[in-house]
Amino acid sequence: MASNVALWAIRRAAEKNIWVAKLVGRILESQMPANDDYWQAYREWKKMSPVKGVDAARRMSRGDAYARRL
């Protein structure tokens, strides 16, 4: 599998007439904003107060939820 990835990267870099390292850098750079947005949203979620009336500890079991469905 790793060799397939390496071959893909070599071919793609050749198509763009750039070094593989430059291609990898561009790919990683394009992924950074999505990753940063996720972690920012996660930090904001962790700061939120619990919702009144919602207690995950008192949720139905899987069997009870299935039985209720029938």
C-alpha atoms as a PDB file:
ATOM      1  CA  MET A   1       0.000   0.000   0.000  1.00  0.00           C
ATOM      2  CA  ALA A   2       2.762   2.445   0.905  1.00  0.00           C
ATOM      3  CA  SER A   3       4.420   1.831  -2.446  1.00  0.00           C
ATOM      4  CA  ASN A   4       1.136   2.729  -4.192  1.00  0.00           C
ATOM      5  CA  VAL A   5       1.029   5.984  -2.285  1.00  0.00           C
ATOM      6  CA  ALA A   6       4.651   6.751  -3.146  1.00  0.00           C
ATOM      7  CA  LEU A   7       4.073   6.022  -6.835  1.00  0.00           C
ATOM      8  CA  TRP A   8       0.980   8.207  -6.859  1.00  0.00           C
ATOM      9  CA  ALA A   9       2.896  11.061  -5.235  1.00  0.00           C
ATOM     10  CA  ILE A  10       5.793  10.733  -7.679  1.00  0.00           C
ATOM     11  CA  ARG A  11       3.456  10.742 -10.678  1.00  0.00           C
ATOM     12  CA  ARG A  12       1.383  13.629  -9.364  1.00  0.00           C
ATOM     13  CA  ALA A  13       4.478  15.707  -8.606  1.00  0.00           C
ATOM     14  CA  ALA A  14       5.853  14.988 -12.085  1.00  0.00           C
ATOM     15  CA  GLU A  15       2.567  16.136 -13.649  1.00  0.00           C
ATOM     16  CA  LYS A  16       2.851  19.403 -11.756  1.00  0.00           C
ATOM     17  CA  ASN A  17       6.615  19.646 -12.373  1.00  0.00           C
ATOM     18  CA  ILE A  18       7.378  19.978  -8.649  1.00  0.00           C
ATOM     19  CA  TRP A  19       9.256  17.968  -6.022  1.00  0.00           C
ATOM     20  CA  VAL A  20       7.340  15.339  -4.055  1.00  0.00           C
ATOM     21  CA  ALA A  21       8.152  17.230  -0.835  1.00  0.00           C
ATOM     22  CA  LYS A  22       6.522  20.344  -2.293  1.00  0.00           C
ATOM     23  CA  LEU A  23       3.439  18.331  -3.278  1.00  0.00           C
ATOM     24  CA  VAL A  24       3.146  16.842   0.204  1.00  0.00           C
ATOM     25  CA  GLY A  25       3.568  20.302   1.716  1.00  0.00           C
ATOM     26  CA  ARG A  26       0.732  21.665  -0.409  1.00  0.00           C
ATOM     27  CA  ILE A  27      -1.531  18.757   0.508  1.00  0.00           C
ATOM     28  CA  LEU A  28      -0.860  19.210   4.225  1.00  0.00           C
ATOM     29  CA  GLU A  29      -1.281  22.968   3.948  1.00  0.00           C
ATOM     30  CA  SER A  30      -4.692  22.499   2.339  1.00  0.00           C
ATOM     31  CA  GLN A  31      -5.787  20.236   5.217  1.00  0.00           C
ATOM     32  CA  MET A  32      -4.739  22.579   8.027  1.00  0.00           C
ATOM     33  CA  PRO A  33      -7.793  24.885   8.026  1.00  0.00           C
ATOM     34  CA  ALA A  34     -10.244  21.980   8.220  1.00  0.00           C
ATOM     35  CA  ASN A  35      -8.324  20.498  11.126  1.00  0.00           C
ATOM     36  CA  ASP A  36      -8.101  23.854  12.909  1.00  0.00           C
ATOM     37  CA  ASP A  37     -11.846  24.456  12.475  1.00  0.00           C
ATOM     38  CA  TYR A  38     -12.597  21.067  14.013  1.00  0.00           C
ATOM     39  CA  TRP A  39     -10.449  21.651  17.091  1.00  0.00           C
ATOM     40  CA  GLN A  40     -11.809  25.164  17.568  1.00  0.00           C
ATOM     41  CA  ALA A  41     -15.369  23.800  17.492  1.00  0.00           C
ATOM     42  CA  TYR A  42     -14.359  21.024  19.907  1.00  0.00           C
ATOM     43  CA  ARG A  43     -12.884  23.528  22.395  1.00  0.00           C
ATOM     44  CA  GLU A  44     -16.066  25.625  22.210  1.00  0.00           C
ATOM     45  CA  TRP A  45     -18.228  22.525  22.733  1.00  0.00           C
ATOM     46  CA  LYS A  46     -16.204  21.547  25.822  1.00  0.00           C
ATOM     47  CA  LYS A  47     -16.899  24.995  27.349  1.00  0.00           C
ATOM     48  CA  MET A  48     -20.675  24.634  26.958  1.00  0.00           C
ATOM     49  CA  SER A  49     -22.837  24.033  29.997  1.00  0.00           C
ATOM     50  CA  PRO A  50     -24.899  20.848  30.201  1.00  0.00           C
ATOM     51  CA  VAL A  51     -28.416  21.047  28.790  1.00  0.00           C
ATOM     52  CA  LYS A  52     -31.039  20.953  31.542  1.00  0.00           C
ATOM     53  CA  GLY A  53     -33.219  17.859  31.445  1.00  0.00           C
ATOM     54  CA  VAL A  54     -30.719  15.824  29.426  1.00  0.00           C
ATOM     55  CA  ASP A  55     -28.784  13.144  31.286  1.00  0.00           C
ATOM     56  CA  ALA A  56     -26.908  10.611  29.185  1.00  0.00           C
ATOM     57  CA  ALA A  57     -26.438   8.399  32.247  1.00  0.00           C
ATOM     58  CA  ARG A  58     -30.185   7.691  32.283  1.00  0.00           C
ATOM     59  CA  ARG A  59     -30.543   6.770  28.630  1.00  0.00           C
ATOM     60  CA  MET A  60     -32.337   3.647  27.435  1.00  0.00           C
ATOM     61  CA  SER A  61     -30.452   0.471  26.781  1.00  0.00           C
ATOM     62  CA  ARG A  62     -30.122  -0.677  23.193  1.00  0.00           C
ATOM     63  CA  GLY A  63     -32.589  -3.505  23.848  1.00  0.00           C
ATOM     64  CA  ASP A  64     -35.163  -1.127  25.359  1.00  0.00           C
ATOM     65  CA  ALA A  65     -34.856   1.260  22.426  1.00  0.00           C
ATOM     66  CA  TYR A  66     -35.325  -1.606  19.974  1.00  0.00           C
ATOM     67  CA  ALA A  67     -38.336  -2.950  21.882  1.00  0.00           C
ATOM     68  CA  ARG A  68     -39.888   0.521  21.923  1.00  0.00           C
ATOM     69  CA  ARG A  69     -39.513   0.697  18.163  1.00  0.00           C
ATOM     70  CA  LEU A  70     -41.706  -2.369  17.681  1.00  0.00           C
END
